[in-house]
Amino acid sequence: MMSKSYSDNLLEADIQRTHLQERLKEASYDYHSNLLRLLDEKKHSGKKDMRLWEDTISGFQTCVALNNHIIEKSFSIAKTQLQEAFEKSGLFVEAVEEDG
């Protein structure tokens, strides 16, 4: 049987995923802004601003890490939803009883 904790867990996971997506939007904006500044600087002045270079690299790493967390959270949500669907259908219980 589905418990209230399933619904609560799904809601919490969805909220966490939404927060991660918002953080990714912010991080992506910062990364792309730094990247454009870096490219403009290289094209027009030729000077090397190592701090801007490091900030751009760090921003890219942050975007990749946040995207990875979003994917992991989405898979976790999908797994929970599938488990819940199987339990509601009774197929999961029957399969476990046959194996046991």
PDB file of N, CA and C in Angstrom:
ATOM      1  N   MET A   1       0.826  -1.187   0.000  1.00  0.00           N
ATOM      2  CA  MET A   1       0.000   0.000   0.000  1.00  0.00           C
ATOM      3  C   MET A   1       0.874   1.256   0.000  1.00  0.00           C
ATOM      4  N   MET A   2       0.369   2.249  -0.700  1.00  0.00           N
ATOM      5  CA  MET A   2       1.087   3.511  -0.748  1.00  0.00           C
ATOM      6  C   MET A   2       0.887   4.249   0.569  1.00  0.00           C
ATOM      7  N   SER A   3       1.961   4.744   1.097  1.00  0.00           N
ATOM      8  CA  SER A   3       1.855   5.489   2.343  1.00  0.00           C
ATOM      9  C   SER A   3       1.970   6.981   2.064  1.00  0.00           C
ATOM     10  N   LYS A   4       1.609   7.762   3.061  1.00  0.00           N
ATOM     11  CA  LYS A   4       1.706   9.211   2.932  1.00  0.00           C
ATOM     12  C   LYS A   4       3.169   9.625   2.734  1.00  0.00           C
ATOM     13  N   SER A   5       4.084   8.819   3.253  1.00  0.00           N
ATOM     14  CA  SER A   5       5.496   9.178   3.112  1.00  0.00           C
ATOM     15  C   SER A   5       5.944   9.161   1.650  1.00  0.00           C
ATOM     16  N   TYR A   6       5.323   8.273   0.832  1.00  0.00           N
ATOM     17  CA  TYR A   6       5.631   8.285  -0.600  1.00  0.00           C
ATOM     18  C   TYR A   6       5.312   9.650  -1.190  1.00  0.00           C
ATOM     19  N   SER A   7       4.104  10.130  -0.934  1.00  0.00           N
ATOM     20  CA  SER A   7       3.684  11.428  -1.462  1.00  0.00           C
ATOM     21  C   SER A   7       4.547  12.552  -0.905  1.00  0.00           C
ATOM     22  N   ASP A   8       4.815  12.502   0.390  1.00  0.00           N
ATOM     23  CA  ASP A   8       5.664  13.519   1.008  1.00  0.00           C
ATOM     24  C   ASP A   8       7.074  13.487   0.421  1.00  0.00           C
ATOM     25  N   ASN A   9       7.609  12.284   0.229  1.00  0.00           N
ATOM     26  CA  ASN A   9       8.949  12.148  -0.336  1.00  0.00           C
ATOM     27  C   ASN A   9       9.007  12.665  -1.768  1.00  0.00           C
ATOM     28  N   LEU A  10       7.970  12.357  -2.558  1.00  0.00           N
ATOM     29  CA  LEU A  10       7.930  12.846  -3.939  1.00  0.00           C
ATOM     30  C   LEU A  10       7.826  14.365  -3.984  1.00  0.00           C
ATOM     31  N   LEU A  11       6.998  14.917  -3.127  1.00  0.00           N
ATOM     32  CA  LEU A  11       6.847  16.367  -3.078  1.00  0.00           C
ATOM     33  C   LEU A  11       8.169  17.029  -2.684  1.00  0.00           C
ATOM     34  N   GLU A  12       8.812  16.504  -1.673  1.00  0.00           N
ATOM     35  CA  GLU A  12      10.098  17.057  -1.225  1.00  0.00           C
ATOM     36  C   GLU A  12      11.154  16.940  -2.324  1.00  0.00           C
ATOM     37  N   ALA A  13      11.195  15.795  -2.997  1.00  0.00           N
ATOM     38  CA  ALA A  13      12.167  15.591  -4.085  1.00  0.00           C
ATOM     39  C   ALA A  13      11.898  16.559  -5.230  1.00  0.00           C
ATOM     40  N   ASP A  14      10.633  16.792  -5.546  1.00  0.00           N
ATOM     41  CA  ASP A  14      10.293  17.721  -6.615  1.00  0.00           C
ATOM     42  C   ASP A  14      10.673  19.153  -6.244  1.00  0.00           C
ATOM     43  N   ILE A  15      10.457  19.521  -4.997  1.00  0.00           N
ATOM     44  CA  ILE A  15      10.853  20.853  -4.516  1.00  0.00           C
ATOM     45  C   ILE A  15      12.368  21.011  -4.610  1.00  0.00           C
ATOM     46  N   GLN A  16      13.109  19.991  -4.193  1.00  0.00           N
ATOM     47  CA  GLN A  16      14.570  20.038  -4.273  1.00  0.00           C
ATOM     48  C   GLN A  16      15.024  20.175  -5.724  1.00  0.00           C
ATOM     49  N   ARG A  17      14.383  19.426  -6.623  1.00  0.00           N
ATOM     50  CA  ARG A  17      14.750  19.498  -8.039  1.00  0.00           C
ATOM     51  C   ARG A  17      14.477  20.896  -8.597  1.00  0.00           C
ATOM     52  N   THR A  18      13.354  21.484  -8.195  1.00  0.00           N
ATOM     53  CA  THR A  18      13.019  22.836  -8.655  1.00  0.00           C
ATOM     54  C   THR A  18      14.049  23.846  -8.164  1.00  0.00           C
ATOM     55  N   HIS A  19      14.478  23.704  -6.918  1.00  0.00           N
ATOM     56  CA  HIS A  19      15.510  24.603  -6.377  1.00  0.00           C
ATOM     57  C   HIS A  19      16.822  24.426  -7.145  1.00  0.00           C
ATOM     58  N   LEU A  20      17.169  23.192  -7.452  1.00  0.00           N
ATOM     59  CA  LEU A  20      18.381  22.939  -8.228  1.00  0.00           C
ATOM     60  C   LEU A  20      18.284  23.573  -9.616  1.00  0.00           C
ATOM     61  N   GLN A  21      17.115  23.488 -10.225  1.00  0.00           N
ATOM     62  CA  GLN A  21      16.926  24.072 -11.552  1.00  0.00           C
ATOM     63  C   GLN A  21      17.069  25.596 -11.500  1.00  0.00           C
ATOM     64  N   GLU A  22      16.556  26.206 -10.448  1.00  0.00           N
ATOM     65  CA  GLU A  22      16.710  27.658 -10.292  1.00  0.00           C
ATOM     66  C   GLU A  22      18.172  28.033 -10.089  1.00  0.00           C
ATOM     67  N   ARG A  23      18.873  27.259  -9.267  1.00  0.00           N
ATOM     68  CA  ARG A  23      20.294  27.514  -9.058  1.00  0.00           C
ATOM     69  C   ARG A  23      21.073  27.348 -10.359  1.00  0.00           C
ATOM     70  N   LEU A  24      20.675  26.357 -11.182  1.00  0.00           N
ATOM     71  CA  LEU A  24      21.345  26.146 -12.461  1.00  0.00           C
ATOM     72  C   LEU A  24      21.133  27.338 -13.391  1.00  0.00           C
ATOM     73  N   LYS A  25      19.929  27.895 -13.405  1.00  0.00           N
ATOM     74  CA  LYS A  25      19.674  29.071 -14.237  1.00  0.00           C
ATOM     75  C   LYS A  25      20.606  30.222 -13.848  1.00  0.00           C
ATOM     76  N   GLU A  26      20.722  30.460 -12.540  1.00  0.00           N
ATOM     77  CA  GLU A  26      21.586  31.532 -12.056  1.00  0.00           C
ATOM     78  C   GLU A  26      23.051  31.252 -12.393  1.00  0.00           C
ATOM     79  N   ALA A  27      23.482  30.030 -12.147  1.00  0.00           N
ATOM     80  CA  ALA A  27      24.870  29.668 -12.412  1.00  0.00           C
ATOM     81  C   ALA A  27      25.170  29.738 -13.910  1.00  0.00           C
ATOM     82  N   SER A  28      24.219  29.325 -14.725  1.00  0.00           N
ATOM     83  CA  SER A  28      24.396  29.368 -16.172  1.00  0.00           C
ATOM     84  C   SER A  28      24.515  30.810 -16.666  1.00  0.00           C
ATOM     85  N   TYR A  29      23.695  31.679 -16.115  1.00  0.00           N
ATOM     86  CA  TYR A  29      23.777  33.095 -16.490  1.00  0.00           C
ATOM     87  C   TYR A  29      25.144  33.667 -16.120  1.00  0.00           C
ATOM     88  N   ASP A  30      25.597  33.398 -14.906  1.00  0.00           N
ATOM     89  CA  ASP A  30      26.909  33.884 -14.467  1.00  0.00           C
ATOM     90  C   ASP A  30      28.027  33.334 -15.341  1.00  0.00           C
ATOM     91  N   TYR A  31      27.957  32.028 -15.631  1.00  0.00           N
ATOM     92  CA  TYR A  31      28.982  31.394 -16.465  1.00  0.00           C
ATOM     93  C   TYR A  31      29.023  32.040 -17.842  1.00  0.00           C
ATOM     94  N   HIS A  32      27.868  32.186 -18.467  1.00  0.00           N
ATOM     95  CA  HIS A  32      27.847  32.741 -19.820  1.00  0.00           C
ATOM     96  C   HIS A  32      28.264  34.212 -19.839  1.00  0.00           C
ATOM     97  N   SER A  33      27.916  34.953 -18.813  1.00  0.00           N
ATOM     98  CA  SER A  33      28.366  36.344 -18.719  1.00  0.00           C
ATOM     99  C   SER A  33      29.883  36.413 -18.626  1.00  0.00           C
ATOM    100  N   ASN A  34      30.457  35.581 -17.773  1.00  0.00           N
ATOM    101  CA  ASN A  34      31.916  35.541 -17.643  1.00  0.00           C
ATOM    102  C   ASN A  34      32.582  35.086 -18.934  1.00  0.00           C
ATOM    103  N   LEU A  35      31.988  34.107 -19.586  1.00  0.00           N
ATOM    104  CA  LEU A  35      32.551  33.608 -20.833  1.00  0.00           C
ATOM    105  C   LEU A  35      32.549  34.697 -21.904  1.00  0.00           C
ATOM    106  N   LEU A  36      31.460  35.426 -22.022  1.00  0.00           N
ATOM    107  CA  LEU A  36      31.399  36.515 -22.998  1.00  0.00           C
ATOM    108  C   LEU A  36      32.416  37.611 -22.680  1.00  0.00           C
ATOM    109  N   ARG A  37      32.547  37.943 -21.398  1.00  0.00           N
ATOM    110  CA  ARG A  37      33.550  38.941 -20.996  1.00  0.00           C
ATOM    111  C   ARG A  37      34.956  38.447 -21.330  1.00  0.00           C
ATOM    112  N   LEU A  38      35.204  37.171 -21.067  1.00  0.00           N
ATOM    113  CA  LEU A  38      36.516  36.589 -21.349  1.00  0.00           C
ATOM    114  C   LEU A  38      36.822  36.622 -22.845  1.00  0.00           C
ATOM    115  N   LEU A  39      35.855  36.253 -23.660  1.00  0.00           N
ATOM    116  CA  LEU A  39      36.051  36.269 -25.114  1.00  0.00           C
ATOM    117  C   LEU A  39      36.240  37.692 -25.632  1.00  0.00           C
ATOM    118  N   ASP A  40      35.464  38.617 -25.102  1.00  0.00           N
ATOM    119  CA  ASP A  40      35.594  40.014 -25.509  1.00  0.00           C
ATOM    120  C   ASP A  40      36.965  40.560 -25.135  1.00  0.00           C
ATOM    121  N   GLU A  41      37.383  40.227 -23.943  1.00  0.00           N
ATOM    122  CA  GLU A  41      38.698  40.677 -23.472  1.00  0.00           C
ATOM    123  C   GLU A  41      39.810  40.121 -24.353  1.00  0.00           C
ATOM    124  N   LYS A  42      39.726  38.880 -24.690  1.00  0.00           N
ATOM    125  CA  LYS A  42      40.753  38.237 -25.521  1.00  0.00           C
ATOM    126  C   LYS A  42      40.774  38.855 -26.911  1.00  0.00           C
ATOM    127  N   LYS A  43      39.604  39.146 -27.450  1.00  0.00           N
ATOM    128  CA  LYS A  43      39.506  39.679 -28.806  1.00  0.00           C
ATOM    129  C   LYS A  43      39.987  41.125 -28.887  1.00  0.00           C
ATOM    130  N   HIS A  44      39.609  41.935 -27.904  1.00  0.00           N
ATOM    131  CA  HIS A  44      39.872  43.367 -28.005  1.00  0.00           C
ATOM    132  C   HIS A  44      41.132  43.849 -27.280  1.00  0.00           C
ATOM    133  N   SER A  45      41.481  43.247 -26.194  1.00  0.00           N
ATOM    134  CA  SER A  45      42.621  43.788 -25.451  1.00  0.00           C
ATOM    135  C   SER A  45      43.828  42.863 -25.455  1.00  0.00           C
ATOM    136  N   GLY A  46      43.600  41.591 -25.607  1.00  0.00           N
ATOM    137  CA  GLY A  46      44.712  40.651 -25.632  1.00  0.00           C
ATOM    138  C   GLY A  46      45.324  40.384 -24.267  1.00  0.00           C
ATOM    139  N   LYS A  47      44.849  41.087 -23.235  1.00  0.00           N
ATOM    140  CA  LYS A  47      45.405  40.831 -21.903  1.00  0.00           C
ATOM    141  C   LYS A  47      44.770  39.581 -21.307  1.00  0.00           C
ATOM    142  N   LYS A  48      45.456  39.023 -20.339  1.00  0.00           N
ATOM    143  CA  LYS A  48      44.982  37.796 -19.707  1.00  0.00           C
ATOM    144  C   LYS A  48      44.586  38.094 -18.262  1.00  0.00           C
ATOM    145  N   ASP A  49      43.307  37.985 -17.998  1.00  0.00           N
ATOM    146  CA  ASP A  49      42.786  38.156 -16.644  1.00  0.00           C
ATOM    147  C   ASP A  49      42.572  36.759 -16.072  1.00  0.00           C
ATOM    148  N   MET A  50      43.528  36.295 -15.312  1.00  0.00           N
ATOM    149  CA  MET A  50      43.471  34.926 -14.785  1.00  0.00           C
ATOM    150  C   MET A  50      42.298  34.720 -13.832  1.00  0.00           C
ATOM    151  N   ARG A  51      41.924  35.756 -13.121  1.00  0.00           N
ATOM    152  CA  ARG A  51      40.782  35.604 -12.213  1.00  0.00           C
ATOM    153  C   ARG A  51      39.497  35.355 -13.004  1.00  0.00           C
ATOM    154  N   LEU A  52      39.309  36.107 -14.085  1.00  0.00           N
ATOM    155  CA  LEU A  52      38.136  35.913 -14.930  1.00  0.00           C
ATOM    156  C   LEU A  52      38.163  34.519 -15.553  1.00  0.00           C
ATOM    157  N   TRP A  53      39.340  34.083 -15.961  1.00  0.00           N
ATOM    158  CA  TRP A  53      39.515  32.737 -16.518  1.00  0.00           C
ATOM    159  C   TRP A  53      39.112  31.678 -15.483  1.00  0.00           C
ATOM    160  N   GLU A  54      39.592  31.821 -14.261  1.00  0.00           N
ATOM    161  CA  GLU A  54      39.268  30.866 -13.196  1.00  0.00           C
ATOM    162  C   GLU A  54      37.785  30.909 -12.830  1.00  0.00           C
ATOM    163  N   ASP A  55      37.204  32.112 -12.805  1.00  0.00           N
ATOM    164  CA  ASP A  55      35.770  32.234 -12.521  1.00  0.00           C
ATOM    165  C   ASP A  55      34.931  31.562 -13.601  1.00  0.00           C
ATOM    166  N   THR A  56      35.368  31.677 -14.845  1.00  0.00           N
ATOM    167  CA  THR A  56      34.654  31.051 -15.959  1.00  0.00           C
ATOM    168  C   THR A  56      34.723  29.531 -15.851  1.00  0.00           C
ATOM    169  N   ILE A  57      35.892  29.013 -15.561  1.00  0.00           N
ATOM    170  CA  ILE A  57      36.055  27.563 -15.398  1.00  0.00           C
ATOM    171  C   ILE A  57      35.224  27.068 -14.218  1.00  0.00           C
ATOM    172  N   SER A  58      35.277  27.772 -13.111  1.00  0.00           N
ATOM    173  CA  SER A  58      34.510  27.402 -11.926  1.00  0.00           C
ATOM    174  C   SER A  58      33.006  27.434 -12.219  1.00  0.00           C
ATOM    175  N   GLY A  59      32.566  28.437 -12.960  1.00  0.00           N
ATOM    176  CA  GLY A  59      31.161  28.540 -13.326  1.00  0.00           C
ATOM    177  C   GLY A  59      30.711  27.364 -14.180  1.00  0.00           C
ATOM    178  N   PHE A  60      31.563  26.952 -15.106  1.00  0.00           N
ATOM    179  CA  PHE A  60      31.234  25.796 -15.948  1.00  0.00           C
ATOM    180  C   PHE A  60      31.134  24.532 -15.091  1.00  0.00           C
ATOM    181  N   GLN A  61      32.068  24.354 -14.182  1.00  0.00           N
ATOM    182  CA  GLN A  61      32.043  23.185 -13.299  1.00  0.00           C
ATOM    183  C   GLN A  61      30.781  23.172 -12.444  1.00  0.00           C
ATOM    184  N   THR A  62      30.369  24.322 -11.970  1.00  0.00           N
ATOM    185  CA  THR A  62      29.145  24.435 -11.173  1.00  0.00           C
ATOM    186  C   THR A  62      27.921  24.042 -11.998  1.00  0.00           C
ATOM    187  N   CYS A  63      27.864  24.518 -13.235  1.00  0.00           N
ATOM    188  CA  CYS A  63      26.739  24.171 -14.119  1.00  0.00           C
ATOM    189  C   CYS A  63      26.670  22.664 -14.358  1.00  0.00           C
ATOM    190  N   VAL A  64      27.816  22.061 -14.613  1.00  0.00           N
ATOM    191  CA  VAL A  64      27.845  20.613 -14.855  1.00  0.00           C
ATOM    192  C   VAL A  64      27.408  19.853 -13.605  1.00  0.00           C
ATOM    193  N   ALA A  65      27.910  20.251 -12.443  1.00  0.00           N
ATOM    194  CA  ALA A  65      27.560  19.564 -11.197  1.00  0.00           C
ATOM    195  C   ALA A  65      26.067  19.711 -10.883  1.00  0.00           C
ATOM    196  N   LEU A  66      25.530  20.912 -11.046  1.00  0.00           N
ATOM    197  CA  LEU A  66      24.102  21.120 -10.778  1.00  0.00           C
ATOM    198  C   LEU A  66      23.245  20.313 -11.749  1.00  0.00           C
ATOM    199  N   ASN A  67      23.644  20.286 -13.020  1.00  0.00           N
ATOM    200  CA  ASN A  67      22.903  19.506 -13.997  1.00  0.00           C
ATOM    201  C   ASN A  67      22.926  18.024 -13.634  1.00  0.00           C
ATOM    202  N   ASN A  68      24.062  17.546 -13.162  1.00  0.00           N
ATOM    203  CA  ASN A  68      24.175  16.151 -12.730  1.00  0.00           C
ATOM    204  C   ASN A  68      23.239  15.864 -11.554  1.00  0.00           C
ATOM    205  N   HIS A  69      23.169  16.784 -10.605  1.00  0.00           N
ATOM    206  CA  HIS A  69      22.266  16.611  -9.456  1.00  0.00           C
ATOM    207  C   HIS A  69      20.804  16.589  -9.906  1.00  0.00           C
ATOM    208  N   ILE A  70      20.467  17.439 -10.867  1.00  0.00           N
ATOM    209  CA  ILE A  70      19.095  17.476 -11.382  1.00  0.00           C
ATOM    210  C   ILE A  70      18.743  16.144 -12.037  1.00  0.00           C
ATOM    211  N   ILE A  71      19.659  15.607 -12.811  1.00  0.00           N
ATOM    212  CA  ILE A  71      19.423  14.317 -13.471  1.00  0.00           C
ATOM    213  C   ILE A  71      19.250  13.214 -12.427  1.00  0.00           C
ATOM    214  N   GLU A  72      20.132  13.177 -11.423  1.00  0.00           N
ATOM    215  CA  GLU A  72      20.022  12.170 -10.367  1.00  0.00           C
ATOM    216  C   GLU A  72      18.693  12.291  -9.623  1.00  0.00           C
ATOM    217  N   LYS A  73      18.292  13.523  -9.312  1.00  0.00           N
ATOM    218  CA  LYS A  73      17.032  13.749  -8.598  1.00  0.00           C
ATOM    219  C   LYS A  73      15.850  13.322  -9.466  1.00  0.00           C
ATOM    220  N   SER A  74      15.910  13.609 -10.764  1.00  0.00           N
ATOM    221  CA  SER A  74      14.830  13.221 -11.674  1.00  0.00           C
ATOM    222  C   SER A  74      14.708  11.701 -11.774  1.00  0.00           C
ATOM    223  N   PHE A  75      15.852  11.011 -11.836  1.00  0.00           N
ATOM    224  CA  PHE A  75      15.814   9.548 -11.864  1.00  0.00           C
ATOM    225  C   PHE A  75      15.251   8.989 -10.564  1.00  0.00           C
ATOM    226  N   SER A  76      15.599   9.586  -9.457  1.00  0.00           N
ATOM    227  CA  SER A  76      15.079   9.151  -8.166  1.00  0.00           C
ATOM    228  C   SER A  76      13.558   9.320  -8.106  1.00  0.00           C
ATOM    229  N   ILE A  77      13.078  10.441  -8.599  1.00  0.00           N
ATOM    230  CA  ILE A  77      11.636  10.690  -8.633  1.00  0.00           C
ATOM    231  C   ILE A  77      10.947   9.660  -9.524  1.00  0.00           C
ATOM    232  N   ALA A  78      11.520   9.428 -10.692  1.00  0.00           N
ATOM    233  CA  ALA A  78      10.926   8.459 -11.623  1.00  0.00           C
ATOM    234  C   ALA A  78      10.898   7.056 -11.015  1.00  0.00           C
ATOM    235  N   LYS A  79      11.967   6.684 -10.333  1.00  0.00           N
ATOM    236  CA  LYS A  79      12.021   5.361  -9.689  1.00  0.00           C
ATOM    237  C   LYS A  79      10.924   5.235  -8.631  1.00  0.00           C
ATOM    238  N   THR A  80      10.779   6.258  -7.820  1.00  0.00           N
ATOM    239  CA  THR A  80       9.750   6.235  -6.778  1.00  0.00           C
ATOM    240  C   THR A  80       8.355   6.159  -7.390  1.00  0.00           C
ATOM    241  N   GLN A  81       8.129   6.917  -8.445  1.00  0.00           N
ATOM    242  CA  GLN A  81       6.824   6.892  -9.103  1.00  0.00           C
ATOM    243  C   GLN A  81       6.537   5.527  -9.720  1.00  0.00           C
ATOM    244  N   LEU A  82       7.547   4.901 -10.308  1.00  0.00           N
ATOM    245  CA  LEU A  82       7.357   3.561 -10.871  1.00  0.00           C
ATOM    246  C   LEU A  82       7.067   2.538  -9.779  1.00  0.00           C
ATOM    247  N   GLN A  83       7.788   2.631  -8.675  1.00  0.00           N
ATOM    248  CA  GLN A  83       7.534   1.711  -7.566  1.00  0.00           C
ATOM    249  C   GLN A  83       6.104   1.880  -7.057  1.00  0.00           C
ATOM    250  N   GLU A  84       5.690   3.115  -6.933  1.00  0.00           N
ATOM    251  CA  GLU A  84       4.340   3.410  -6.462  1.00  0.00           C
ATOM    252  C   GLU A  84       3.305   2.854  -7.443  1.00  0.00           C
ATOM    253  N   ALA A  85       3.541   3.019  -8.734  1.00  0.00           N
ATOM    254  CA  ALA A  85       2.598   2.515  -9.742  1.00  0.00           C
ATOM    255  C   ALA A  85       2.504   0.993  -9.690  1.00  0.00           C
ATOM    256  N   PHE A  86       3.638   0.319  -9.543  1.00  0.00           N
ATOM    257  CA  PHE A  86       3.620  -1.137  -9.443  1.00  0.00           C
ATOM    258  C   PHE A  86       2.894  -1.600  -8.186  1.00  0.00           C
ATOM    259  N   GLU A  87       3.111  -0.917  -7.083  1.00  0.00           N
ATOM    260  CA  GLU A  87       2.421  -1.284  -5.850  1.00  0.00           C
ATOM    261  C   GLU A  87       0.915  -1.083  -5.969  1.00  0.00           C
ATOM    262  N   LYS A  88       0.508  -0.001  -6.602  1.00  0.00           N
ATOM    263  CA  LYS A  88      -0.926   0.257  -6.784  1.00  0.00           C
ATOM    264  C   LYS A  88      -1.562  -0.787  -7.699  1.00  0.00           C
ATOM    265  N   SER A  89      -0.809  -1.243  -8.691  1.00  0.00           N
ATOM    266  CA  SER A  89      -1.366  -2.209  -9.642  1.00  0.00           C
ATOM    267  C   SER A  89      -1.423  -3.615  -9.065  1.00  0.00           C
ATOM    268  N   GLY A  90      -0.657  -3.864  -8.032  1.00  0.00           N
ATOM    269  CA  GLY A  90      -0.609  -5.195  -7.439  1.00  0.00           C
ATOM    270  C   GLY A  90       0.402  -6.103  -8.115  1.00  0.00           C
ATOM    271  N   LEU A  91       0.995  -5.664  -9.222  1.00  0.00           N
ATOM    272  CA  LEU A  91       1.978  -6.485  -9.940  1.00  0.00           C
ATOM    273  C   LEU A  91       3.241  -6.682  -9.112  1.00  0.00           C
ATOM    274  N   PHE A  92       3.634  -5.672  -8.410  1.00  0.00           N
ATOM    275  CA  PHE A  92       4.866  -5.730  -7.618  1.00  0.00           C
ATOM    276  C   PHE A  92       4.732  -6.756  -6.503  1.00  0.00           C
ATOM    277  N   VAL A  93       3.610  -6.764  -5.817  1.00  0.00           N
ATOM    278  CA  VAL A  93       3.367  -7.687  -4.717  1.00  0.00           C
ATOM    279  C   VAL A  93       3.333  -9.118  -5.234  1.00  0.00           C
ATOM    280  N   GLU A  94       2.647  -9.329  -6.371  1.00  0.00           N
ATOM    281  CA  GLU A  94       2.562 -10.674  -6.949  1.00  0.00           C
ATOM    282  C   GLU A  94       3.924 -11.182  -7.360  1.00  0.00           C
ATOM    283  N   ALA A  95       4.746 -10.337  -7.939  1.00  0.00           N
ATOM    284  CA  ALA A  95       6.075 -10.744  -8.394  1.00  0.00           C
ATOM    285  C   ALA A  95       6.958 -11.095  -7.190  1.00  0.00           C
ATOM    286  N   VAL A  96       6.843 -10.341  -6.131  1.00  0.00           N
ATOM    287  CA  VAL A  96       7.628 -10.614  -4.923  1.00  0.00           C
ATOM    288  C   VAL A  96       7.178 -11.915  -4.285  1.00  0.00           C
ATOM    289  N   GLU A  97       5.884 -12.152  -4.240  1.00  0.00           N
ATOM    290  CA  GLU A  97       5.367 -13.391  -3.646  1.00  0.00           C
ATOM    291  C   GLU A  97       5.784 -14.616  -4.455  1.00  0.00           C
ATOM    292  N   GLU A  98       5.834 -14.499  -5.787  1.00  0.00           N
ATOM    293  CA  GLU A  98       6.250 -15.599  -6.633  1.00  0.00           C
ATOM    294  C   GLU A  98       7.718 -15.933  -6.435  1.00  0.00           C
ATOM    295  N   ASP A  99       8.548 -14.899  -6.227  1.00  0.00           N
ATOM    296  CA  ASP A  99       9.979 -15.103  -6.007  1.00  0.00           C
ATOM    297  C   ASP A  99      10.256 -15.671  -4.623  1.00  0.00           C
ATOM    298  N   GLY A 100       9.447 -15.292  -3.668  1.00  0.00           N
ATOM    299  CA  GLY A 100       9.687 -15.641  -2.264  1.00  0.00           C
ATOM    300  C   GLY A 100       9.193 -16.974  -1.977  1.00  0.00           C
TER     301      GLY A 100
END
